[in-house]
Full PDB file with SEQRES, HELIX, SHEET, SSBOND, CRYST1, ORIGX, SCALE, CONECT and MASTER records, all heavy atoms in Angstrom:
SEQRES   1 A   34  VAL PHE ASP ALA VAL GLY PRO VAL THR PRO ILE GLY ALA          
SEQRES   2 A   34  LEU LEU ALA ALA VAL ALA ARG GLY VAL GLY ALA GLU PRO          
SEQRES   3 A   34  ARG TRP VAL TRP ALA ALA SER ASP                              
HELIX    1 AA1 ILE A   11  VAL A   22  1                                  12    
CRYST1    1.000    1.000    1.000  90.00  90.00  90.00 P 1           1          
ORIGX1      1.000000  0.000000  0.000000        0.00000                         
ORIGX2      0.000000  1.000000  0.000000        0.00000                         
ORIGX3      0.000000  0.000000  1.000000        0.00000                         
SCALE1      1.000000  0.000000  0.000000        0.00000                         
SCALE2      0.000000  1.000000  0.000000        0.00000                         
SCALE3      0.000000  0.000000  1.000000        0.00000                         
ATOM      1  N   VAL A   1      18.291 -26.743   2.200  1.00  0.00           N  
ATOM      2  CA  VAL A   1      17.147 -25.902   1.869  1.00  0.00           C  
ATOM      3  C   VAL A   1      17.620 -24.459   1.863  1.00  0.00           C  
ATOM      4  O   VAL A   1      18.287 -24.018   2.811  1.00  0.00           O  
ATOM      5  CB  VAL A   1      16.003 -26.082   2.880  1.00  0.00           C  
ATOM      6  CG1 VAL A   1      14.820 -25.193   2.514  1.00  0.00           C  
ATOM      7  CG2 VAL A   1      15.568 -27.541   2.949  1.00  0.00           C  
ATOM      8  N   PHE A   2      17.290 -23.725   0.804  1.00  0.00           N  
ATOM      9  CA  PHE A   2      17.791 -22.364   0.637  1.00  0.00           C  
ATOM     10  C   PHE A   2      16.666 -21.433   0.190  1.00  0.00           C  
ATOM     11  O   PHE A   2      15.824 -21.814  -0.613  1.00  0.00           O  
ATOM     12  CB  PHE A   2      18.895 -22.313  -0.431  1.00  0.00           C  
ATOM     13  CG  PHE A   2      20.053 -23.230  -0.188  1.00  0.00           C  
ATOM     14  CD1 PHE A   2      20.060 -24.512  -0.717  1.00  0.00           C  
ATOM     15  CD2 PHE A   2      21.136 -22.817   0.568  1.00  0.00           C  
ATOM     16  CE1 PHE A   2      21.131 -25.364  -0.512  1.00  0.00           C  
ATOM     17  CE2 PHE A   2      22.209 -23.658   0.783  1.00  0.00           C  
ATOM     18  CZ  PHE A   2      22.205 -24.944   0.246  1.00  0.00           C  
ATOM     19  N   ASP A   3      16.691 -20.195   0.691  1.00  0.00           N  
ATOM     20  CA  ASP A   3      15.885 -19.137   0.102  1.00  0.00           C  
ATOM     21  C   ASP A   3      16.661 -18.609  -1.101  1.00  0.00           C  
ATOM     22  O   ASP A   3      17.717 -17.981  -0.944  1.00  0.00           O  
ATOM     23  CB  ASP A   3      15.628 -18.014   1.107  1.00  0.00           C  
ATOM     24  CG  ASP A   3      14.579 -18.392   2.145  1.00  0.00           C  
ATOM     25  OD1 ASP A   3      13.883 -19.401   1.945  1.00  0.00           O  
ATOM     26  OD2 ASP A   3      14.469 -17.678   3.159  1.00  0.00           O  
ATOM     27  N   ALA A   4      16.149 -18.887  -2.285  1.00  0.00           N  
ATOM     28  CA  ALA A   4      16.855 -18.527  -3.520  1.00  0.00           C  
ATOM     29  C   ALA A   4      16.432 -17.135  -3.949  1.00  0.00           C  
ATOM     30  O   ALA A   4      15.619 -16.953  -4.859  1.00  0.00           O  
ATOM     31  CB  ALA A   4      16.557 -19.554  -4.604  1.00  0.00           C  
ATOM     32  N   VAL A   5      16.987 -16.134  -3.281  1.00  0.00           N  
ATOM     33  CA  VAL A   5      16.575 -14.751  -3.491  1.00  0.00           C  
ATOM     34  C   VAL A   5      17.785 -13.884  -3.787  1.00  0.00           C  
ATOM     35  O   VAL A   5      18.919 -14.244  -3.468  1.00  0.00           O  
ATOM     36  CB  VAL A   5      15.832 -14.204  -2.251  1.00  0.00           C  
ATOM     37  CG1 VAL A   5      14.538 -14.973  -2.018  1.00  0.00           C  
ATOM     38  CG2 VAL A   5      16.713 -14.275  -1.001  1.00  0.00           C  
ATOM     39  N   GLY A   6      17.523 -12.730  -4.384  1.00  0.00           N  
ATOM     40  CA  GLY A   6      18.578 -11.746  -4.573  1.00  0.00           C  
ATOM     41  C   GLY A   6      18.743 -10.902  -3.326  1.00  0.00           C  
ATOM     42  O   GLY A   6      17.918 -10.940  -2.410  1.00  0.00           O  
ATOM     43  N   PRO A   7      19.819 -10.138  -3.267  1.00  0.00           N  
ATOM     44  CA  PRO A   7      20.046  -9.279  -2.104  1.00  0.00           C  
ATOM     45  C   PRO A   7      18.902  -8.285  -1.904  1.00  0.00           C  
ATOM     46  O   PRO A   7      18.334  -7.771  -2.866  1.00  0.00           O  
ATOM     47  CB  PRO A   7      21.347  -8.544  -2.449  1.00  0.00           C  
ATOM     48  CG  PRO A   7      22.013  -9.394  -3.488  1.00  0.00           C  
ATOM     49  CD  PRO A   7      20.902 -10.028  -4.258  1.00  0.00           C  
ATOM     50  N   VAL A   8      18.565  -8.029  -0.653  1.00  0.00           N  
ATOM     51  CA  VAL A   8      17.543  -7.021  -0.338  1.00  0.00           C  
ATOM     52  C   VAL A   8      18.095  -5.650  -0.718  1.00  0.00           C  
ATOM     53  O   VAL A   8      19.206  -5.274  -0.325  1.00  0.00           O  
ATOM     54  CB  VAL A   8      17.162  -7.077   1.145  1.00  0.00           C  
ATOM     55  CG1 VAL A   8      16.159  -5.973   1.477  1.00  0.00           C  
ATOM     56  CG2 VAL A   8      16.595  -8.447   1.496  1.00  0.00           C  
ATOM     57  N   THR A   9      17.310  -4.894  -1.483  1.00  0.00           N  
ATOM     58  CA  THR A   9      17.752  -3.633  -2.064  1.00  0.00           C  
ATOM     59  C   THR A   9      16.646  -2.592  -1.923  1.00  0.00           C  
ATOM     60  O   THR A   9      15.470  -2.917  -2.118  1.00  0.00           O  
ATOM     61  CB  THR A   9      18.061  -3.825  -3.564  1.00  0.00           C  
ATOM     62  OG1 THR A   9      19.005  -4.883  -3.721  1.00  0.00           O  
ATOM     63  CG2 THR A   9      18.604  -2.548  -4.196  1.00  0.00           C  
ATOM     64  N   PRO A  10      16.961  -1.341  -1.605  1.00  0.00           N  
ATOM     65  CA  PRO A  10      15.917  -0.306  -1.645  1.00  0.00           C  
ATOM     66  C   PRO A  10      15.344  -0.190  -3.056  1.00  0.00           C  
ATOM     67  O   PRO A  10      16.091  -0.199  -4.040  1.00  0.00           O  
ATOM     68  CB  PRO A  10      16.666   0.965  -1.235  1.00  0.00           C  
ATOM     69  CG  PRO A  10      17.876   0.492  -0.511  1.00  0.00           C  
ATOM     70  CD  PRO A  10      18.258  -0.816  -1.157  1.00  0.00           C  
ATOM     71  N   ILE A  11      14.038  -0.066  -3.159  1.00  0.00           N  
ATOM     72  CA  ILE A  11      13.429  -0.031  -4.476  1.00  0.00           C  
ATOM     73  C   ILE A  11      13.893   1.183  -5.281  1.00  0.00           C  
ATOM     74  O   ILE A  11      14.004   1.122  -6.511  1.00  0.00           O  
ATOM     75  CB  ILE A  11      11.890  -0.080  -4.374  1.00  0.00           C  
ATOM     76  CG1 ILE A  11      11.290  -0.372  -5.762  1.00  0.00           C  
ATOM     77  CG2 ILE A  11      11.315   1.196  -3.768  1.00  0.00           C  
ATOM     78  CD1 ILE A  11       9.816  -0.692  -5.741  1.00  0.00           C  
ATOM     79  N   GLY A  12      14.232   2.273  -4.597  1.00  0.00           N  
ATOM     80  CA  GLY A  12      14.761   3.424  -5.313  1.00  0.00           C  
ATOM     81  C   GLY A  12      16.070   3.088  -6.013  1.00  0.00           C  
ATOM     82  O   GLY A  12      16.314   3.504  -7.152  1.00  0.00           O  
ATOM     83  N   ALA A  13      16.944   2.317  -5.339  1.00  0.00           N  
ATOM     84  CA  ALA A  13      18.215   1.915  -5.941  1.00  0.00           C  
ATOM     85  C   ALA A  13      17.991   0.942  -7.090  1.00  0.00           C  
ATOM     86  O   ALA A  13      18.665   1.009  -8.129  1.00  0.00           O  
ATOM     87  CB  ALA A  13      19.116   1.295  -4.878  1.00  0.00           C  
ATOM     88  N   LEU A  14      17.027   0.024  -6.920  1.00  0.00           N  
ATOM     89  CA  LEU A  14      16.732  -0.920  -7.998  1.00  0.00           C  
ATOM     90  C   LEU A  14      16.230  -0.188  -9.237  1.00  0.00           C  
ATOM     91  O   LEU A  14      16.707  -0.434 -10.357  1.00  0.00           O  
ATOM     92  CB  LEU A  14      15.690  -1.929  -7.531  1.00  0.00           C  
ATOM     93  CG  LEU A  14      15.125  -2.855  -8.609  1.00  0.00           C  
ATOM     94  CD1 LEU A  14      16.201  -3.766  -9.166  1.00  0.00           C  
ATOM     95  CD2 LEU A  14      13.957  -3.672  -8.091  1.00  0.00           C  
ATOM     96  N   LEU A  15      15.263   0.727  -9.054  1.00  0.00           N  
ATOM     97  CA  LEU A  15      14.712   1.424 -10.208  1.00  0.00           C  
ATOM     98  C   LEU A  15      15.755   2.337 -10.858  1.00  0.00           C  
ATOM     99  O   LEU A  15      15.769   2.505 -12.084  1.00  0.00           O  
ATOM    100  CB  LEU A  15      13.475   2.216  -9.802  1.00  0.00           C  
ATOM    101  CG  LEU A  15      12.275   1.375  -9.353  1.00  0.00           C  
ATOM    102  CD1 LEU A  15      11.095   2.271  -9.008  1.00  0.00           C  
ATOM    103  CD2 LEU A  15      11.888   0.351 -10.410  1.00  0.00           C  
ATOM    104  N   ALA A  16      16.643   2.912 -10.056  1.00  0.00           N  
ATOM    105  CA  ALA A  16      17.720   3.721 -10.629  1.00  0.00           C  
ATOM    106  C   ALA A  16      18.645   2.855 -11.484  1.00  0.00           C  
ATOM    107  O   ALA A  16      19.108   3.281 -12.546  1.00  0.00           O  
ATOM    108  CB  ALA A  16      18.511   4.401  -9.513  1.00  0.00           C  
ATOM    109  N   ALA A  17      18.887   1.613 -11.028  1.00  0.00           N  
ATOM    110  CA  ALA A  17      19.716   0.701 -11.809  1.00  0.00           C  
ATOM    111  C   ALA A  17      19.018   0.303 -13.107  1.00  0.00           C  
ATOM    112  O   ALA A  17      19.657   0.203 -14.165  1.00  0.00           O  
ATOM    113  CB  ALA A  17      20.051  -0.536 -10.980  1.00  0.00           C  
ATOM    114  N   VAL A  18      17.707   0.086 -13.044  1.00  0.00           N  
ATOM    115  CA  VAL A  18      16.955  -0.225 -14.259  1.00  0.00           C  
ATOM    116  C   VAL A  18      17.054   0.937 -15.243  1.00  0.00           C  
ATOM    117  O   VAL A  18      17.264   0.737 -16.447  1.00  0.00           O  
ATOM    118  CB  VAL A  18      15.484  -0.540 -13.927  1.00  0.00           C  
ATOM    119  CG1 VAL A  18      14.666  -0.683 -15.205  1.00  0.00           C  
ATOM    120  CG2 VAL A  18      15.379  -1.805 -13.085  1.00  0.00           C  
ATOM    121  N   ALA A  19      16.939   2.161 -14.737  1.00  0.00           N  
ATOM    122  CA  ALA A  19      17.048   3.339 -15.612  1.00  0.00           C  
ATOM    123  C   ALA A  19      18.423   3.397 -16.273  1.00  0.00           C  
ATOM    124  O   ALA A  19      18.533   3.692 -17.469  1.00  0.00           O  
ATOM    125  CB  ALA A  19      16.778   4.608 -14.812  1.00  0.00           C  
ATOM    126  N   ARG A  20      19.469   3.094 -15.505  1.00  0.00           N  
ATOM    127  CA  ARG A  20      20.812   3.099 -16.104  1.00  0.00           C  
ATOM    128  C   ARG A  20      20.924   2.014 -17.175  1.00  0.00           C  
ATOM    129  O   ARG A  20      21.558   2.230 -18.228  1.00  0.00           O  
ATOM    130  CB  ARG A  20      21.868   2.892 -15.022  1.00  0.00           C  
ATOM    131  CG  ARG A  20      22.031   4.073 -14.083  1.00  0.00           C  
ATOM    132  CD  ARG A  20      23.294   3.943 -13.243  1.00  0.00           C  
ATOM    133  NE  ARG A  20      23.252   2.792 -12.349  1.00  0.00           N  
ATOM    134  CZ  ARG A  20      22.733   2.805 -11.124  1.00  0.00           C  
ATOM    135  NH1 ARG A  20      22.179   3.929 -10.659  1.00  0.00           N  
ATOM    136  NH2 ARG A  20      22.756   1.729 -10.367  1.00  0.00           N  
ATOM    137  N   GLY A  21      20.344   0.837 -16.906  1.00  0.00           N  
ATOM    138  CA  GLY A  21      20.401  -0.237 -17.892  1.00  0.00           C  
ATOM    139  C   GLY A  21      19.689   0.121 -19.180  1.00  0.00           C  
ATOM    140  O   GLY A  21      20.105  -0.283 -20.271  1.00  0.00           O  
ATOM    141  N   VAL A  22      18.621   0.896 -19.070  1.00  0.00           N  
ATOM    142  CA  VAL A  22      17.853   1.328 -20.239  1.00  0.00           C  
ATOM    143  C   VAL A  22      18.495   2.544 -20.900  1.00  0.00           C  
ATOM    144  O   VAL A  22      18.292   2.803 -22.085  1.00  0.00           O  
ATOM    145  CB  VAL A  22      16.400   1.625 -19.817  1.00  0.00           C  
ATOM    146  CG1 VAL A  22      15.594   2.268 -20.940  1.00  0.00           C  
ATOM    147  CG2 VAL A  22      15.718   0.333 -19.359  1.00  0.00           C  
ATOM    148  N   GLY A  23      19.291   3.299 -20.127  1.00  0.00           N  
ATOM    149  CA  GLY A  23      19.883   4.531 -20.637  1.00  0.00           C  
ATOM    150  C   GLY A  23      18.957   5.717 -20.525  1.00  0.00           C  
ATOM    151  O   GLY A  23      19.014   6.647 -21.349  1.00  0.00           O  
ATOM    152  N   ALA A  24      18.089   5.708 -19.493  1.00  0.00           N  
ATOM    153  CA  ALA A  24      17.084   6.757 -19.329  1.00  0.00           C  
ATOM    154  C   ALA A  24      17.395   7.598 -18.099  1.00  0.00           C  
ATOM    155  O   ALA A  24      18.036   7.127 -17.150  1.00  0.00           O  
ATOM    156  CB  ALA A  24      15.695   6.143 -19.196  1.00  0.00           C  
ATOM    157  N   GLU A  25      16.914   8.846 -18.116  1.00  0.00           N  
ATOM    158  CA  GLU A  25      17.054   9.758 -16.974  1.00  0.00           C  
ATOM    159  C   GLU A  25      15.662  10.257 -16.589  1.00  0.00           C  
ATOM    160  O   GLU A  25      15.241  11.333 -16.988  1.00  0.00           O  
ATOM    161  CB  GLU A  25      17.981  10.922 -17.324  1.00  0.00           C  
ATOM    162  CG  GLU A  25      19.413  10.480 -17.612  1.00  0.00           C  
ATOM    163  CD  GLU A  25      20.341  11.651 -17.878  1.00  0.00           C  
ATOM    164  OE1 GLU A  25      19.852  12.813 -17.864  1.00  0.00           O  
ATOM    165  OE2 GLU A  25      21.531  11.425 -18.118  1.00  0.00           O  
ATOM    166  N   PRO A  26      14.948   9.459 -15.809  1.00  0.00           N  
ATOM    167  CA  PRO A  26      13.571   9.828 -15.460  1.00  0.00           C  
ATOM    168  C   PRO A  26      13.512  10.883 -14.360  1.00  0.00           C  
ATOM    169  O   PRO A  26      14.480  11.093 -13.626  1.00  0.00           O  
ATOM    170  CB  PRO A  26      12.983   8.504 -14.970  1.00  0.00           C  
ATOM    171  CG  PRO A  26      14.154   7.803 -14.366  1.00  0.00           C  
ATOM    172  CD  PRO A  26      15.337   8.164 -15.232  1.00  0.00           C  
ATOM    173  N   ARG A  27      12.354  11.516 -14.238  1.00  0.00           N  
ATOM    174  CA  ARG A  27      12.014  12.301 -13.045  1.00  0.00           C  
ATOM    175  C   ARG A  27      11.033  11.457 -12.248  1.00  0.00           C  
ATOM    176  O   ARG A  27       9.868  11.297 -12.653  1.00  0.00           O  
ATOM    177  CB  ARG A  27      11.379  13.645 -13.433  1.00  0.00           C  
ATOM    178  CG  ARG A  27      12.345  14.640 -14.066  1.00  0.00           C  
ATOM    179  CD  ARG A  27      11.680  16.004 -14.228  1.00  0.00           C  
ATOM    180  NE  ARG A  27      10.579  15.960 -15.175  1.00  0.00           N  
ATOM    181  CZ  ARG A  27      10.637  16.446 -16.415  1.00  0.00           C  
ATOM    182  NH1 ARG A  27      11.747  17.011 -16.854  1.00  0.00           N  
ATOM    183  NH2 ARG A  27       9.578  16.372 -17.212  1.00  0.00           N  
ATOM    184  N   TRP A  28      11.498  10.909 -11.157  1.00  0.00           N  
ATOM    185  CA  TRP A  28      10.651  10.013 -10.368  1.00  0.00           C  
ATOM    186  C   TRP A  28       9.604  10.810  -9.605  1.00  0.00           C  
ATOM    187  O   TRP A  28       9.913  11.843  -9.014  1.00  0.00           O  
ATOM    188  CB  TRP A  28      11.500   9.206  -9.384  1.00  0.00           C  
ATOM    189  CG  TRP A  28      12.505   8.307 -10.040  1.00  0.00           C  
ATOM    190  CD1 TRP A  28      13.854   8.481 -10.088  1.00  0.00           C  
ATOM    191  CD2 TRP A  28      12.229   7.100 -10.751  1.00  0.00           C  
ATOM    192  NE1 TRP A  28      14.448   7.457 -10.790  1.00  0.00           N  
ATOM    193  CE2 TRP A  28      13.479   6.592 -11.206  1.00  0.00           C  
ATOM    194  CE3 TRP A  28      11.064   6.393 -11.052  1.00  0.00           C  
ATOM    195  CZ2 TRP A  28      13.580   5.408 -11.938  1.00  0.00           C  
ATOM    196  CZ3 TRP A  28      11.168   5.217 -11.785  1.00  0.00           C  
ATOM    197  CH2 TRP A  28      12.415   4.733 -12.216  1.00  0.00           C  
ATOM    198  N   VAL A  29       8.388  10.309  -9.612  1.00  0.00           N  
ATOM    199  CA  VAL A  29       7.299  10.897  -8.840  1.00  0.00           C  
ATOM    200  C   VAL A  29       6.838   9.825  -7.855  1.00  0.00           C  
ATOM    201  O   VAL A  29       6.123   8.881  -8.221  1.00  0.00           O  
ATOM    202  CB  VAL A  29       6.135  11.341  -9.737  1.00  0.00           C  
ATOM    203  CG1 VAL A  29       5.024  11.954  -8.890  1.00  0.00           C  
ATOM    204  CG2 VAL A  29       6.614  12.329 -10.807  1.00  0.00           C  
ATOM    205  N   TRP A  30       7.276   9.958  -6.598  1.00  0.00           N  
ATOM    206  CA  TRP A  30       6.975   8.948  -5.593  1.00  0.00           C  
ATOM    207  C   TRP A  30       5.617   9.254  -4.959  1.00  0.00           C  
ATOM    208  O   TRP A  30       5.388  10.360  -4.468  1.00  0.00           O  
ATOM    209  CB  TRP A  30       8.067   8.911  -4.529  1.00  0.00           C  
ATOM    210  CG  TRP A  30       9.391   8.447  -5.089  1.00  0.00           C  
ATOM    211  CD1 TRP A  30      10.367   9.225  -5.627  1.00  0.00           C  
ATOM    212  CD2 TRP A  30       9.827   7.098  -5.205  1.00  0.00           C  
ATOM    213  NE1 TRP A  30      11.402   8.448  -6.077  1.00  0.00           N  
ATOM    214  CE2 TRP A  30      11.104   7.131  -5.836  1.00  0.00           C  
ATOM    215  CE3 TRP A  30       9.278   5.866  -4.849  1.00  0.00           C  
ATOM    216  CZ2 TRP A  30      11.831   5.975  -6.097  1.00  0.00           C  
ATOM    217  CZ3 TRP A  30       9.994   4.711  -5.113  1.00  0.00           C  
ATOM    218  CH2 TRP A  30      11.262   4.767  -5.735  1.00  0.00           C  
ATOM    219  N   ALA A  31       4.739   8.262  -4.989  1.00  0.00           N  
ATOM    220  CA  ALA A  31       3.393   8.437  -4.430  1.00  0.00           C  
ATOM    221  C   ALA A  31       3.216   7.473  -3.270  1.00  0.00           C  
ATOM    222  O   ALA A  31       3.502   6.274  -3.391  1.00  0.00           O  
ATOM    223  CB  ALA A  31       2.336   8.170  -5.500  1.00  0.00           C  
ATOM    224  N   ALA A  32       2.726   7.978  -2.137  1.00  0.00           N  
ATOM    225  CA  ALA A  32       2.527   7.146  -0.956  1.00  0.00           C  
ATOM    226  C   ALA A  32       1.482   6.071  -1.220  1.00  0.00           C  
ATOM    227  O   ALA A  32       0.604   6.219  -2.079  1.00  0.00           O  
ATOM    228  CB  ALA A  32       2.102   8.012   0.225  1.00  0.00           C  
ATOM    229  N   SER A  33       1.574   4.993  -0.440  1.00  0.00           N  
ATOM    230  CA  SER A  33       0.665   3.857  -0.636  1.00  0.00           C  
ATOM    231  C   SER A  33      -0.795   4.261  -0.554  1.00  0.00           C  
ATOM    232  O   SER A  33      -1.625   3.805  -1.359  1.00  0.00           O  
ATOM    233  CB  SER A  33       0.956   2.772   0.410  1.00  0.00           C  
ATOM    234  OG  SER A  33       2.183   2.144   0.156  1.00  0.00           O  
ATOM    235  N   ASP A  34      -1.126   5.146   0.409  1.00  0.00           N  
ATOM    236  CA  ASP A  34      -2.539   5.521   0.533  1.00  0.00           C  
ATOM    237  C   ASP A  34      -3.016   6.299  -0.686  1.00  0.00           C  
ATOM    238  O   ASP A  34      -4.172   6.176  -1.105  1.00  0.00           O  
ATOM    239  CB  ASP A  34      -2.787   6.297   1.828  1.00  0.00           C  
ATOM    240  CG  ASP A  34      -1.966   7.561   1.948  1.00  0.00           C  
ATOM    241  OD1 ASP A  34      -1.094   7.821   1.089  1.00  0.00           O  
ATOM    242  OD2 ASP A  34      -2.184   8.315   2.931  1.00  0.00           O  
TER     243      ASP A  34                                                      
MASTER        0    0    0    1    0    0    0    6  242    1    0    3          
END                                                                             
């Protein structure tokens, strides 16, 4: 029995990787949950 998951990653690092894959240079605006 296995947890079939990817490595735990900070979401900032994941989104930065997505931006690199797309070839984009965004200005991130981080908004708190509340």
